Amino acid sequence: QTILADNATKDRGVLVVAVVDEAFADDGDGGQTVIEIGEEDTIDKGFDHTVLAGASAGAIFCRGFVNTAGKDIIATVSKATGTGTGGASFAVLALPNS
C-alpha cells in the first residue's frame, strides 16, 4: 500500500517512527503480523520483517532511509495467522534532498 507518492525529481530523506499498539507474538499455533516499509522494488528498505518481530506493546522504533526519486514509499503487511498477534501505528516524514 502506498504511504507517500513519489517525488519525481528528488531523492528524499525519510524517517519512520513506529509505536507498537499490540504485542507481536506467534502464540503457539499462528504467525505474528509482519510489517515492512520501503519503496517500490525494495519493500524492506526502511523496516525489514525482523524489526518488529517479538516487539512488546508500547515499544517505539525509529528507522531512516533514502527514498529514491520516482519511487513511492510503501508499506507491506502480512496479517497474523491463527492466534498470532501484532499491530503498530506509524508516522512517516519525507523531506526532499536539496
Protein backbone atom coordinates (compact mmCIF):
# COMPACT_ATOMS: atom_id res chain seq x y z
CA GLN A 1 0.00 0.00 0.00
CA THR A 2 1.32 3.45 -0.89
CA ILE A 3 2.10 5.65 2.11
CA LEU A 4 3.51 8.63 0.18
CA ALA A 5 3.56 9.10 -3.59
CA ASP A 6 6.91 9.56 -5.26
CA ASN A 7 8.84 12.78 -5.77
CA ALA A 8 9.59 12.62 -9.48
CA THR A 9 12.83 14.60 -9.38
CA LYS A 10 14.47 14.35 -5.94
CA ASP A 11 15.54 11.66 -3.50
CA ARG A 12 14.01 12.12 -0.04
CA GLY A 13 15.33 11.60 3.44
CA VAL A 14 12.72 9.50 5.26
CA LEU A 15 12.18 8.99 8.99
CA VAL A 16 9.75 6.26 10.05
CA VAL A 17 8.52 6.05 13.65
CA ALA A 18 6.52 3.03 14.82
CA VAL A 19 4.69 2.63 18.13
CA VAL A 20 3.65 -0.93 18.93
CA ASP A 21 -0.08 -1.00 19.77
CA GLU A 22 -0.39 -4.77 20.17
CA ALA A 23 2.47 -7.12 21.07
CA PHE A 24 3.96 -9.12 18.20
CA ALA A 25 3.81 -12.81 19.10
CA ASP A 26 3.39 -16.19 17.43
CA ASP A 27 1.27 -17.54 20.32
CA GLY A 28 1.75 -21.22 19.59
CA ASP A 29 -0.43 -22.04 16.59
CA GLY A 30 -0.02 -18.95 14.44
CA GLY A 31 2.38 -16.44 12.99
CA GLN A 32 2.70 -12.82 14.08
CA THR A 33 1.92 -9.85 11.84
CA VAL A 34 4.78 -8.88 9.53
CA ILE A 35 5.21 -5.23 8.52
CA GLU A 36 7.79 -3.89 6.05
CA ILE A 37 8.26 -0.27 4.97
CA GLY A 38 10.30 0.75 1.97
CA GLU A 39 9.84 1.67 -1.65
CA GLU A 40 8.86 0.03 -4.91
CA ASP A 41 11.30 -2.79 -5.74
CA THR A 42 12.86 -2.64 -2.22
CA ILE A 43 9.91 -3.20 0.11
CA ASP A 44 12.05 -3.56 3.23
CA LYS A 45 14.41 -0.59 2.72
CA GLY A 46 13.23 1.22 5.88
CA PHE A 47 11.81 -1.55 8.08
CA ASP A 48 12.58 -5.16 7.28
CA HIS A 49 10.48 -8.08 8.53
CA THR A 50 12.65 -8.58 11.64
CA VAL A 51 12.35 -5.07 13.15
CA LEU A 52 9.02 -5.60 14.92
CA ALA A 53 9.34 -9.37 15.45
CA GLY A 54 8.58 -10.14 19.10
CA ALA A 55 8.12 -6.45 19.98
CA SER A 56 6.22 -5.60 23.18
CA ALA A 57 3.24 -3.24 23.34
CA GLY A 58 4.40 0.33 23.91
CA ALA A 59 7.81 -0.16 22.25
CA ILE A 60 8.95 2.62 19.91
CA PHE A 61 11.13 2.09 16.86
CA CYS A 62 12.74 4.70 14.58
CA ARG A 63 14.41 4.00 11.26
CA GLY A 64 15.65 6.21 8.45
CA PHE A 65 16.37 5.62 4.78
CA VAL A 66 16.81 7.45 1.49
CA ASN A 67 13.79 7.18 -0.79
CA THR A 68 14.85 7.11 -4.44
CA ALA A 69 13.33 9.76 -6.74
CA GLY A 70 10.43 8.36 -8.74
CA LYS A 71 9.54 5.61 -6.22
CA ASP A 72 6.54 5.62 -3.88
CA ILE A 73 7.07 4.93 -0.18
CA ILE A 74 5.10 1.77 0.58
CA ALA A 75 4.01 -0.48 3.44
CA THR A 76 3.67 -4.23 3.00
CA VAL A 77 1.65 -6.01 5.69
CA SER A 78 1.08 -9.73 6.15
CA LYS A 79 -1.58 -10.16 8.80
CA ALA A 80 -1.19 -12.56 11.69
CA THR A 81 -2.30 -16.14 11.24
CA GLY A 82 -4.01 -18.43 13.75
CA THR A 83 -3.60 -16.91 17.21
CA GLY A 84 -0.61 -14.76 16.22
CA THR A 85 -0.74 -11.07 17.10
CA GLY A 86 0.88 -7.75 16.27
CA GLY A 87 -0.06 -4.19 15.43
CA ALA A 88 1.63 -0.80 15.23
CA SER A 89 0.94 2.84 14.38
CA PHE A 90 3.34 4.64 12.05
CA ALA A 91 4.38 8.22 11.31
CA VAL A 92 6.41 8.88 8.14
CA LEU A 93 8.32 12.10 7.46
CA ALA A 94 9.84 12.55 3.99
CA LEU A 95 11.92 15.61 3.07
CA PRO A 96 13.29 16.18 -0.45
CA ASN A 97 17.05 16.42 -0.68
CA SER A 98 18.19 19.81 -1.93
